[in-house]
Amino acid sequence: MSEFVRFRYHDRALLNALARVFDAIKAVKNNPGAGNDYDLAGLRAMLPEDVSRNFDWPERIEPQFDPSRPVVVARPGTYIGHRWNFGAVTELIEMGDYKLRECVAVDDKHAELRIQTFGYPYGGLNHFIALVEGFGFQVVGFNECGKYEAVDT
């Protein structure tokens, strides 16, 4: 199944920066033989400075989640407007049961982050929403389990 987060973008260069970061994360996530070593310093260097300030970057990234314990997957959109730790975003992406597909403009005002899920629960979309919002884009909706929902704005 194909899930996505749809958002309104206002700057094509910033959208391209998000796509580059998404592709760098995808290169690790979609290549299980390479391990799950996300270069957070390298990813941070890819972010425009004003975007980098929208995330927490602790000196040392401690694992946020214990893989032996269940993780509650909140309904998409639950954390719209919340600040996230970038390490937690990559950790949740790594734990998800999906492949990353693409970050693509669908018209001159909207774009989507797309993933290909393998099962349910697959890990949710909230960390992708956090990534989009960190770039200053407005989430307008998401598709989960074949059902598109608009976000009330």
Protein backbone atom coordinates (compact mmCIF):
# COMPACT_ATOMS: atom_id res chain seq x y z
CA MET A 1 0.00 0.00 0.00
CA SER A 2 1.17 3.55 -0.64
CA GLU A 3 0.89 6.15 2.11
CA PHE A 4 1.82 9.81 1.88
CA VAL A 5 1.87 13.19 3.58
CA ARG A 6 0.64 16.03 1.36
CA PHE A 7 1.82 19.54 2.11
CA ARG A 8 1.79 23.08 0.74
CA TYR A 9 5.21 24.39 -0.21
CA HIS A 10 6.14 28.01 -0.81
CA ASP A 11 9.74 27.76 -1.98
CA ARG A 12 10.99 25.34 -4.67
CA ALA A 13 14.61 25.52 -3.40
CA LEU A 14 13.45 24.56 0.09
CA LEU A 15 11.37 21.71 -1.38
CA ASN A 16 14.49 20.51 -3.21
CA ALA A 17 16.44 20.64 0.08
CA LEU A 18 13.76 18.47 1.74
CA ALA A 19 13.93 16.03 -1.20
CA ARG A 20 17.74 15.76 -0.81
CA VAL A 21 17.42 15.03 2.93
CA PHE A 22 14.62 12.54 2.27
CA ASP A 23 16.79 10.81 -0.36
CA ALA A 24 19.74 10.62 2.05
CA ILE A 25 17.52 9.02 4.69
CA LYS A 26 16.04 6.73 2.02
CA ALA A 27 19.53 5.54 1.00
CA VAL A 28 20.00 4.14 4.51
CA LYS A 29 16.43 2.97 5.22
CA ASN A 30 15.96 1.15 1.91
CA ASN A 31 19.32 -0.63 2.09
CA PRO A 32 19.06 -2.98 5.08
CA GLY A 33 22.48 -4.51 4.37
CA ALA A 34 24.09 -1.15 5.12
CA GLY A 35 22.79 -1.08 8.69
CA ASN A 36 20.86 1.79 10.19
CA ASP A 37 23.69 4.27 10.58
CA TYR A 38 22.15 7.65 9.91
CA ASP A 39 24.83 10.33 9.75
CA LEU A 40 23.00 12.94 11.81
CA ALA A 41 25.84 15.45 11.49
CA GLY A 42 25.80 14.99 7.71
CA LEU A 43 22.01 15.29 7.57
CA ARG A 44 22.15 18.42 9.73
CA ALA A 45 24.72 19.92 7.38
CA MET A 46 22.29 19.36 4.50
CA LEU A 47 19.60 21.41 6.20
CA PRO A 48 19.35 25.14 5.70
CA GLU A 49 20.29 26.84 8.99
CA ASP A 50 16.78 28.12 9.69
CA VAL A 51 15.39 24.61 9.15
CA SER A 52 18.02 23.06 11.42
CA ARG A 53 16.86 25.37 14.24
CA ASN A 54 13.37 23.85 14.00
CA PHE A 55 14.62 20.53 15.43
CA ASP A 56 16.30 19.57 18.69
CA TRP A 57 19.90 18.36 18.27
CA PRO A 58 21.24 17.01 21.56
CA GLU A 59 25.00 16.63 21.92
CA ARG A 60 24.61 12.87 22.09
CA ILE A 61 21.75 11.01 20.48
CA GLU A 62 20.49 8.36 22.85
CA PRO A 63 18.10 5.73 21.53
CA GLN A 64 14.58 6.96 22.19
CA PHE A 65 12.82 3.63 21.81
CA ASP A 66 13.39 0.12 23.09
CA PRO A 67 12.80 -2.31 20.18
CA SER A 68 11.76 -5.04 22.63
CA ARG A 69 8.78 -2.98 23.80
CA PRO A 70 5.69 -2.03 21.81
CA VAL A 71 5.49 1.52 20.48
CA VAL A 72 2.13 3.26 20.38
CA VAL A 73 1.54 4.63 16.91
CA ALA A 74 -0.57 7.76 17.17
CA ARG A 75 -3.13 8.74 14.58
CA PRO A 76 -1.55 10.85 11.80
CA GLY A 77 -1.65 14.53 12.58
CA THR A 78 -1.68 14.03 16.35
CA TYR A 79 1.56 15.97 16.75
CA ILE A 80 1.09 18.71 14.15
CA GLY A 81 2.85 21.80 15.43
CA HIS A 82 5.10 19.97 17.91
CA ARG A 83 8.88 20.28 17.97
CA TRP A 84 10.83 17.05 17.35
CA ASN A 85 14.30 15.69 18.00
CA PHE A 86 15.79 14.92 14.57
CA GLY A 87 17.38 11.73 15.94
CA ALA A 88 13.94 10.49 17.00
CA VAL A 89 12.63 11.17 13.49
CA THR A 90 15.34 8.98 11.92
CA GLU A 91 14.95 6.33 14.62
CA LEU A 92 11.21 6.05 13.98
CA ILE A 93 11.82 5.90 10.23
CA GLU A 94 14.27 3.04 10.78
CA MET A 95 11.73 1.14 12.88
CA GLY A 96 8.94 1.48 10.28
CA ASP A 97 7.74 -1.42 8.14
CA TYR A 98 8.02 0.37 4.80
CA LYS A 99 10.32 1.66 2.10
CA LEU A 100 10.72 5.32 1.37
CA ARG A 101 9.62 6.21 -2.14
CA GLU A 102 9.92 9.89 -2.96
CA CYS A 103 9.43 13.52 -2.12
CA VAL A 104 7.75 15.03 -5.17
CA ALA A 105 5.82 18.13 -6.21
CA VAL A 106 2.33 17.20 -7.38
CA ASP A 107 1.54 20.73 -8.63
CA ASP A 108 2.94 24.24 -8.26
CA LYS A 109 1.77 24.52 -4.63
CA HIS A 110 1.63 20.98 -3.21
CA ALA A 111 4.07 18.13 -2.74
CA GLU A 112 4.04 14.71 -1.11
CA LEU A 113 6.38 12.52 0.90
CA ARG A 114 5.51 8.98 -0.21
CA ILE A 115 6.24 5.63 1.38
CA GLN A 116 5.42 2.03 0.42
CA THR A 117 4.13 0.09 3.43
CA PHE A 118 4.32 -3.67 3.89
CA GLY A 119 1.85 -4.24 6.70
CA TYR A 120 -0.12 -2.64 9.45
CA PRO A 121 0.81 -1.27 11.87
CA TYR A 122 3.70 0.00 9.79
CA GLY A 123 4.87 2.83 12.09
CA GLY A 124 2.72 5.79 11.16
CA LEU A 125 3.22 9.12 9.44
CA ASN A 126 3.77 11.54 12.34
CA HIS A 127 7.56 11.63 12.02
CA PHE A 128 7.20 12.45 8.30
CA ILE A 129 4.78 15.23 9.24
CA ALA A 130 7.42 16.50 11.69
CA LEU A 131 10.04 16.49 8.92
CA VAL A 132 7.75 18.45 6.58
CA GLU A 133 6.85 20.98 9.28
CA GLY A 134 10.50 21.39 10.21
CA PHE A 135 11.04 22.78 6.72
CA GLY A 136 8.29 25.31 7.35
CA PHE A 137 5.75 23.66 5.06
CA GLN A 138 2.07 23.29 5.95
CA VAL A 139 0.61 19.79 6.04
CA VAL A 140 -2.74 19.77 4.23
CA GLY A 141 -3.53 16.06 4.44
CA PHE A 142 -2.31 12.51 4.53
CA ASN A 143 -3.21 9.13 3.11
CA GLU A 144 -3.11 6.22 5.50
CA CYS A 145 -4.42 2.76 4.71
CA GLY A 146 -5.96 3.93 1.44
CA LYS A 147 -7.97 6.76 2.98
CA TYR A 148 -7.04 10.40 2.36
CA GLU A 149 -7.82 12.84 5.17
CA ALA A 150 -7.50 16.60 4.85
CA VAL A 151 -6.09 18.50 7.80
CA ASP A 152 -8.33 21.25 9.12
CA THR A 153 -6.50 24.56 8.76
